Amino acid sequence: MDINTLRILATIASFAVFVGIVVWAWKRRKTDDFKEAANLPFTHD
């Protein structure tokens, strides 16, 4: 296994992780959590 094969595998693994994060972020059940988190800077204690 040479360095180019390792680079290809690292690129594919990185892309798979990226796609997984995008799918996780766009799930409908997470919408309320993200809306709540988006308003956190505007809440006062």
Protein backbone atom coordinates (compact mmCIF):
# COMPACT_ATOMS: atom_id res chain seq x y z
CA MET A 1 0.00 0.00 0.00
CA ASP A 2 1.59 3.25 -1.09
CA ILE A 3 0.99 6.84 -0.01
CA ASN A 4 -1.46 7.56 -2.83
CA THR A 5 -3.73 4.74 -1.72
CA LEU A 6 -3.72 6.14 1.81
CA ARG A 7 -4.57 9.59 0.48
CA ILE A 8 -7.48 8.18 -1.51
CA LEU A 9 -8.80 6.32 1.53
CA ALA A 10 -8.48 9.43 3.71
CA THR A 11 -10.37 11.50 1.14
CA ILE A 12 -13.17 8.96 0.87
CA ALA A 13 -13.42 8.67 4.66
CA SER A 14 -13.52 12.46 5.04
CA PHE A 15 -16.24 12.77 2.43
CA ALA A 16 -18.30 10.03 4.13
CA VAL A 17 -18.03 11.86 7.46
CA PHE A 18 -19.05 15.12 5.78
CA VAL A 19 -22.11 13.51 4.19
CA GLY A 20 -23.02 11.94 7.54
CA ILE A 21 -22.88 15.33 9.29
CA VAL A 22 -25.03 16.94 6.57
CA VAL A 23 -27.64 14.18 6.84
CA TRP A 24 -27.66 14.46 10.64
CA ALA A 25 -28.06 18.25 10.51
CA TRP A 26 -30.97 18.14 8.08
CA LYS A 27 -33.09 15.60 9.98
CA ARG A 28 -36.54 16.97 10.75
CA ARG A 29 -36.53 15.96 14.39
CA LYS A 30 -33.46 18.13 15.06
CA THR A 31 -35.14 21.33 13.81
CA ASP A 32 -36.44 22.41 17.22
CA ASP A 33 -33.08 21.81 18.86
CA PHE A 34 -31.30 23.92 16.26
CA LYS A 35 -33.86 26.75 16.52
CA GLU A 36 -33.38 26.80 20.27
CA ALA A 37 -29.60 26.81 19.91
CA ALA A 38 -29.78 29.64 17.36
CA ASN A 39 -31.58 31.84 19.89
CA LEU A 40 -29.14 31.21 22.76
CA PRO A 41 -27.02 34.34 22.12
CA PHE A 42 -30.13 36.50 22.48
CA THR A 43 -31.29 35.17 25.84
CA HIS A 44 -30.46 37.14 28.95
CA ASP A 45 -29.94 35.60 32.34
